[in-house]
Amino acid sequence: MSPLTRTWALLIALVAATVLVSPVPGVAAMGALLVLAWLKARAILGGFLHLRGAPGWLAALLGPLALWLAAVWGLAMVAFG
């Protein structure tokens, strides 16, 4: 199986997990959805854009994204928790 096909299959599995988690209420489910969003971004950036092989670029994009998603989750904890 080629790396692009593996990335595509991973994205399909992550989308299926998103569909399963999305109807669940609560802040923990929202955290799970944000983690799934980060994993999908990692798969797209690393697999399709080939940033896995570019030194530093994958981390440079995923680090700020992780901070942003953590901030969104933190605000949700304050608002709904």
Foldseek 3Di string as FASTA:
>chain_A
DDLLVVLVVVLVVLVVVCVVLVVDDDLVSLLVNLVSVLVNVLSCCCRVVVCVPPPPPSCVVSVVSVVVSVVVSVVCVVVPD
